N, C-alpha and C. Protein backbone atom coordinates (compact mmCIF):
# COMPACT_ATOMS: atom_id res chain seq x y z
N UNK A 1 0.82 -1.21 0.00
CA UNK A 1 0.00 0.00 0.00
C UNK A 1 0.85 1.26 0.00
N UNK A 2 2.01 1.20 0.62
CA UNK A 2 2.82 2.39 0.75
C UNK A 2 3.74 2.66 -0.42
N UNK A 3 3.70 1.80 -1.45
CA UNK A 3 4.59 2.00 -2.60
C UNK A 3 4.13 3.21 -3.40
N UNK A 4 5.06 3.89 -4.08
CA UNK A 4 4.73 5.14 -4.77
C UNK A 4 4.09 4.93 -6.15
N UNK A 5 2.82 4.50 -6.17
CA UNK A 5 2.11 4.37 -7.43
C UNK A 5 1.73 5.75 -7.95
N UNK A 6 1.82 5.90 -9.26
CA UNK A 6 1.48 7.16 -9.90
C UNK A 6 -0.03 7.36 -9.82
N UNK A 7 -0.46 8.60 -9.59
CA UNK A 7 -1.88 8.94 -9.51
C UNK A 7 -2.17 10.02 -10.56
N UNK A 8 -3.21 9.79 -11.35
CA UNK A 8 -3.66 10.81 -12.29
C UNK A 8 -4.95 11.42 -11.77
N UNK A 9 -5.02 12.74 -11.81
CA UNK A 9 -6.20 13.48 -11.35
C UNK A 9 -6.80 14.18 -12.56
N UNK A 10 -8.07 13.90 -12.83
CA UNK A 10 -8.74 14.49 -13.98
C UNK A 10 -9.95 15.27 -13.48
N UNK A 11 -9.97 16.56 -13.78
CA UNK A 11 -11.09 17.40 -13.37
C UNK A 11 -12.24 17.23 -14.35
N UNK A 12 -13.44 17.08 -13.84
CA UNK A 12 -14.64 17.00 -14.65
C UNK A 12 -15.25 18.40 -14.70
N UNK A 13 -14.93 19.13 -15.75
CA UNK A 13 -15.35 20.53 -15.83
C UNK A 13 -16.84 20.69 -16.08
N UNK A 14 -17.48 19.68 -16.67
CA UNK A 14 -18.92 19.77 -16.94
C UNK A 14 -19.76 19.45 -15.70
N UNK A 15 -19.44 18.33 -15.05
CA UNK A 15 -20.24 17.86 -13.91
C UNK A 15 -19.69 18.34 -12.57
N UNK A 16 -18.43 18.74 -12.55
CA UNK A 16 -17.76 19.11 -11.31
C UNK A 16 -17.12 17.90 -10.67
N UNK A 17 -16.18 18.13 -9.81
CA UNK A 17 -15.49 17.05 -9.13
C UNK A 17 -14.28 16.55 -9.89
N UNK A 18 -13.76 15.42 -9.41
CA UNK A 18 -12.51 14.89 -9.94
C UNK A 18 -12.58 13.37 -10.02
N UNK A 19 -11.85 12.83 -10.98
CA UNK A 19 -11.63 11.39 -11.08
C UNK A 19 -10.16 11.17 -10.80
N UNK A 20 -9.85 10.22 -9.94
CA UNK A 20 -8.46 9.87 -9.62
C UNK A 20 -8.28 8.39 -9.91
N UNK A 21 -7.14 8.05 -10.51
CA UNK A 21 -6.85 6.64 -10.75
C UNK A 21 -5.35 6.39 -10.77
N UNK A 22 -5.01 5.14 -10.54
CA UNK A 22 -3.62 4.68 -10.60
C UNK A 22 -3.46 3.90 -11.90
N UNK A 23 -2.81 4.46 -12.91
CA UNK A 23 -2.69 3.80 -14.20
C UNK A 23 -2.04 2.41 -14.13
N UNK A 24 -1.15 2.20 -13.19
CA UNK A 24 -0.46 0.91 -13.07
C UNK A 24 -1.34 -0.16 -12.44
N UNK A 25 -2.45 0.27 -11.82
CA UNK A 25 -3.38 -0.66 -11.18
C UNK A 25 -4.70 -0.60 -11.95
N UNK A 26 -4.79 -1.37 -13.01
CA UNK A 26 -5.91 -1.33 -13.92
C UNK A 26 -7.26 -1.44 -13.19
N UNK A 27 -8.09 -0.42 -13.36
CA UNK A 27 -9.41 -0.43 -12.74
C UNK A 27 -9.46 0.18 -11.36
N UNK A 28 -8.34 0.62 -10.83
CA UNK A 28 -8.31 1.25 -9.51
C UNK A 28 -8.61 2.74 -9.70
N UNK A 29 -9.87 3.12 -9.48
CA UNK A 29 -10.33 4.47 -9.79
C UNK A 29 -11.38 4.90 -8.77
N UNK A 30 -11.48 6.20 -8.58
CA UNK A 30 -12.52 6.76 -7.70
C UNK A 30 -12.88 8.16 -8.18
N UNK A 31 -14.02 8.64 -7.73
CA UNK A 31 -14.48 10.00 -8.05
C UNK A 31 -14.79 10.71 -6.75
N UNK A 32 -14.59 12.03 -6.75
CA UNK A 32 -14.84 12.81 -5.54
C UNK A 32 -15.11 14.26 -5.91
N UNK A 33 -15.67 14.96 -4.94
CA UNK A 33 -15.96 16.37 -5.14
C UNK A 33 -14.73 17.26 -5.06
N UNK A 34 -13.74 16.84 -4.26
CA UNK A 34 -12.51 17.61 -4.12
C UNK A 34 -11.31 16.68 -4.32
N UNK A 35 -10.18 17.26 -4.62
CA UNK A 35 -8.96 16.46 -4.79
C UNK A 35 -8.59 15.79 -3.48
N UNK A 36 -8.71 16.51 -2.37
CA UNK A 36 -8.35 15.96 -1.07
C UNK A 36 -9.20 14.73 -0.75
N UNK A 37 -10.51 14.85 -0.96
CA UNK A 37 -11.40 13.72 -0.73
C UNK A 37 -11.06 12.57 -1.69
N UNK A 38 -10.70 12.93 -2.92
CA UNK A 38 -10.34 11.92 -3.92
C UNK A 38 -9.14 11.10 -3.49
N UNK A 39 -8.11 11.72 -2.92
CA UNK A 39 -6.94 10.97 -2.46
C UNK A 39 -7.30 10.04 -1.30
N UNK A 40 -8.19 10.49 -0.42
CA UNK A 40 -8.63 9.63 0.68
C UNK A 40 -9.39 8.42 0.13
N UNK A 41 -10.31 8.67 -0.79
CA UNK A 41 -11.08 7.59 -1.39
C UNK A 41 -10.22 6.67 -2.24
N UNK A 42 -9.18 7.22 -2.87
CA UNK A 42 -8.30 6.39 -3.68
C UNK A 42 -7.52 5.41 -2.81
N UNK A 43 -7.16 5.82 -1.60
CA UNK A 43 -6.49 4.90 -0.68
C UNK A 43 -7.41 3.72 -0.36
N UNK A 44 -8.69 4.00 -0.16
CA UNK A 44 -9.66 2.92 0.09
C UNK A 44 -9.79 2.03 -1.15
N UNK A 45 -9.82 2.65 -2.33
CA UNK A 45 -9.92 1.88 -3.58
C UNK A 45 -8.70 1.00 -3.77
N UNK A 46 -7.52 1.53 -3.46
CA UNK A 46 -6.29 0.73 -3.58
C UNK A 46 -6.34 -0.47 -2.62
N UNK A 47 -6.79 -0.23 -1.41
CA UNK A 47 -6.89 -1.32 -0.42
C UNK A 47 -7.81 -2.42 -0.95
N UNK A 48 -8.95 -2.04 -1.48
CA UNK A 48 -9.89 -3.02 -2.05
C UNK A 48 -9.29 -3.71 -3.27
N UNK A 49 -8.57 -2.96 -4.08
CA UNK A 49 -7.95 -3.51 -5.28
C UNK A 49 -6.91 -4.56 -4.90
N UNK A 50 -6.05 -4.22 -3.94
CA UNK A 50 -5.02 -5.16 -3.48
C UNK A 50 -5.66 -6.40 -2.85
N UNK A 51 -6.69 -6.20 -2.04
CA UNK A 51 -7.38 -7.32 -1.39
C UNK A 51 -7.95 -8.27 -2.44
N UNK A 52 -8.60 -7.72 -3.46
CA UNK A 52 -9.18 -8.55 -4.51
C UNK A 52 -8.10 -9.34 -5.25
N UNK A 53 -6.96 -8.71 -5.52
CA UNK A 53 -5.86 -9.42 -6.19
C UNK A 53 -5.33 -10.55 -5.31
N UNK A 54 -5.13 -10.27 -4.04
CA UNK A 54 -4.61 -11.29 -3.13
C UNK A 54 -5.58 -12.47 -3.02
N UNK A 55 -6.87 -12.17 -2.91
CA UNK A 55 -7.87 -13.24 -2.80
C UNK A 55 -7.95 -14.08 -4.08
N UNK A 56 -7.74 -13.45 -5.23
CA UNK A 56 -7.82 -14.15 -6.52
C UNK A 56 -6.49 -14.78 -6.92
N UNK A 57 -5.44 -14.47 -6.17
CA UNK A 57 -4.11 -14.97 -6.53
C UNK A 57 -3.53 -14.27 -7.74
N UNK A 58 -4.05 -13.08 -8.03
CA UNK A 58 -3.57 -12.30 -9.18
C UNK A 58 -2.32 -11.51 -8.79
N UNK A 59 -1.41 -11.32 -9.75
CA UNK A 59 -0.20 -10.55 -9.44
C UNK A 59 -0.51 -9.07 -9.22
N UNK A 60 0.26 -8.45 -8.36
CA UNK A 60 0.16 -7.01 -8.11
C UNK A 60 1.40 -6.36 -8.71
N UNK A 61 1.22 -5.49 -9.70
CA UNK A 61 2.38 -4.89 -10.35
C UNK A 61 3.13 -3.93 -9.42
N UNK A 62 4.43 -3.88 -9.61
CA UNK A 62 5.25 -2.90 -8.90
C UNK A 62 5.06 -1.54 -9.57
N UNK A 63 5.17 -0.45 -8.82
CA UNK A 63 5.10 0.86 -9.47
C UNK A 63 6.32 1.08 -10.35
N UNK A 64 6.13 1.79 -11.46
CA UNK A 64 7.28 2.08 -12.32
C UNK A 64 8.16 3.13 -11.65
N UNK A 65 9.44 3.08 -11.98
CA UNK A 65 10.40 4.04 -11.41
C UNK A 65 11.13 4.72 -12.56
N UNK A 66 11.54 5.96 -12.39
CA UNK A 66 12.25 6.66 -13.47
C UNK A 66 13.48 5.88 -13.96
N UNK A 67 14.17 5.19 -13.07
CA UNK A 67 15.37 4.46 -13.48
C UNK A 67 15.05 3.22 -14.30
N UNK A 68 13.76 2.86 -14.42
CA UNK A 68 13.35 1.74 -15.27
C UNK A 68 13.42 2.10 -16.75
N UNK A 69 13.61 3.36 -17.06
CA UNK A 69 13.59 3.82 -18.45
C UNK A 69 14.94 4.40 -18.83
N UNK A 70 15.51 3.88 -19.93
CA UNK A 70 16.84 4.32 -20.35
C UNK A 70 16.79 5.57 -21.23
N UNK A 71 15.61 5.88 -21.79
CA UNK A 71 15.53 6.99 -22.72
C UNK A 71 15.82 6.56 -24.15
N UNK A 72 15.94 5.25 -24.36
CA UNK A 72 16.23 4.73 -25.70
C UNK A 72 15.26 3.62 -26.04
N UNK A 73 14.91 3.55 -27.33
CA UNK A 73 14.18 2.40 -27.84
C UNK A 73 14.49 2.28 -29.33
N UNK A 74 14.35 1.07 -29.83
CA UNK A 74 14.65 0.82 -31.24
C UNK A 74 13.35 0.83 -32.02
N UNK A 75 13.36 1.45 -33.18
CA UNK A 75 12.16 1.60 -33.98
C UNK A 75 12.45 1.18 -35.41
N UNK A 76 11.66 0.27 -35.92
CA UNK A 76 11.77 -0.13 -37.33
C UNK A 76 10.70 0.62 -38.11
N UNK A 77 11.07 1.14 -39.29
CA UNK A 77 10.13 1.90 -40.09
C UNK A 77 10.41 1.67 -41.56
N UNK A 78 9.46 1.99 -42.40
CA UNK A 78 9.67 1.81 -43.84
C UNK A 78 10.84 2.66 -44.35
N UNK A 79 11.54 2.15 -45.35
CA UNK A 79 12.69 2.86 -45.91
C UNK A 79 12.30 4.25 -46.41
N UNK A 80 11.10 4.37 -46.98
CA UNK A 80 10.66 5.67 -47.51
C UNK A 80 10.51 6.69 -46.37
N UNK A 81 10.01 6.26 -45.22
CA UNK A 81 9.88 7.16 -44.08
C UNK A 81 11.25 7.51 -43.51
N UNK A 82 12.15 6.53 -43.48
CA UNK A 82 13.51 6.78 -43.01
C UNK A 82 14.17 7.85 -43.88
N UNK A 83 14.01 7.72 -45.21
CA UNK A 83 14.59 8.69 -46.15
C UNK A 83 14.00 10.08 -45.89
N UNK A 84 12.67 10.15 -45.74
CA UNK A 84 12.00 11.44 -45.52
C UNK A 84 12.49 12.10 -44.23
N UNK A 85 12.60 11.31 -43.14
CA UNK A 85 13.08 11.84 -41.87
C UNK A 85 14.52 12.34 -41.98
N UNK A 86 15.35 11.58 -42.69
CA UNK A 86 16.75 11.99 -42.88
C UNK A 86 16.82 13.30 -43.66
N UNK A 87 16.00 13.43 -44.70
CA UNK A 87 15.99 14.67 -45.51
C UNK A 87 15.52 15.86 -44.68
N UNK A 88 14.42 15.68 -43.96
CA UNK A 88 13.87 16.79 -43.16
C UNK A 88 14.83 17.22 -42.06
N UNK A 89 15.45 16.24 -41.38
CA UNK A 89 16.39 16.61 -40.31
C UNK A 89 17.59 17.33 -40.88
N UNK A 90 18.04 16.92 -42.07
CA UNK A 90 19.17 17.59 -42.72
C UNK A 90 18.80 19.03 -43.07
N UNK A 91 17.59 19.24 -43.58
CA UNK A 91 17.12 20.59 -43.90
C UNK A 91 17.08 21.47 -42.66
N UNK A 92 16.73 20.89 -41.51
CA UNK A 92 16.65 21.63 -40.26
C UNK A 92 18.02 21.80 -39.60
N UNK A 93 19.01 21.05 -40.07
CA UNK A 93 20.36 21.15 -39.51
C UNK A 93 20.51 20.48 -38.16
N UNK A 94 19.70 19.44 -37.93
CA UNK A 94 19.78 18.69 -36.68
C UNK A 94 19.92 17.20 -37.01
N UNK A 95 20.29 16.43 -36.00
CA UNK A 95 20.36 14.99 -36.22
C UNK A 95 18.96 14.42 -36.42
N UNK A 96 18.89 13.27 -37.05
CA UNK A 96 17.59 12.65 -37.24
C UNK A 96 16.98 12.29 -35.88
N UNK A 97 17.80 11.90 -34.93
CA UNK A 97 17.33 11.59 -33.59
C UNK A 97 16.67 12.82 -32.95
N UNK A 98 17.33 13.96 -33.03
CA UNK A 98 16.76 15.19 -32.47
C UNK A 98 15.47 15.57 -33.18
N UNK A 99 15.44 15.39 -34.50
CA UNK A 99 14.25 15.73 -35.26
C UNK A 99 13.07 14.83 -34.87
N UNK A 100 13.33 13.54 -34.68
CA UNK A 100 12.27 12.61 -34.28
C UNK A 100 11.77 12.93 -32.88
N UNK A 101 12.65 13.30 -31.97
CA UNK A 101 12.22 13.68 -30.61
C UNK A 101 11.34 14.92 -30.70
N UNK A 102 11.72 15.86 -31.53
CA UNK A 102 10.91 17.06 -31.75
C UNK A 102 9.51 16.70 -32.25
N UNK A 103 9.44 15.83 -33.27
CA UNK A 103 8.15 15.43 -33.82
C UNK A 103 7.30 14.69 -32.80
N UNK A 104 7.91 13.80 -32.03
CA UNK A 104 7.17 13.08 -31.01
C UNK A 104 6.63 14.02 -29.94
N UNK A 105 7.45 14.97 -29.52
CA UNK A 105 7.00 15.89 -28.46
C UNK A 105 5.86 16.78 -28.96
N UNK A 106 5.85 17.15 -30.23
CA UNK A 106 4.74 17.93 -30.78
C UNK A 106 3.47 17.11 -30.82
N UNK A 107 3.60 15.80 -31.07
CA UNK A 107 2.43 14.94 -31.15
C UNK A 107 1.84 14.59 -29.80
N UNK A 108 2.64 14.69 -28.75
CA UNK A 108 2.16 14.37 -27.41
C UNK A 108 1.51 15.59 -26.80
């Protein structure tokens, strides 16, 4: 229960209130009128979630940690896209790696 699971807080601007959930704990979610109440209710939801997993013999995932990510991944792509990315990065005067990071960050 005390492990540092990531919590996402989403404000419901139409209905009011907030939805809180732990992305690493699929289905562990709660809604509340205030963020403070939401964190209290989320602790109860986590307790119920862990209890259900233990009773079912289901695995409980560990929270992700920043050191779990190297900042690198390998990507295979069509030769035509590779050529286009190489041309565009050359036109911009940056490495293809820097250009791809730029494009990804704009898309996120």
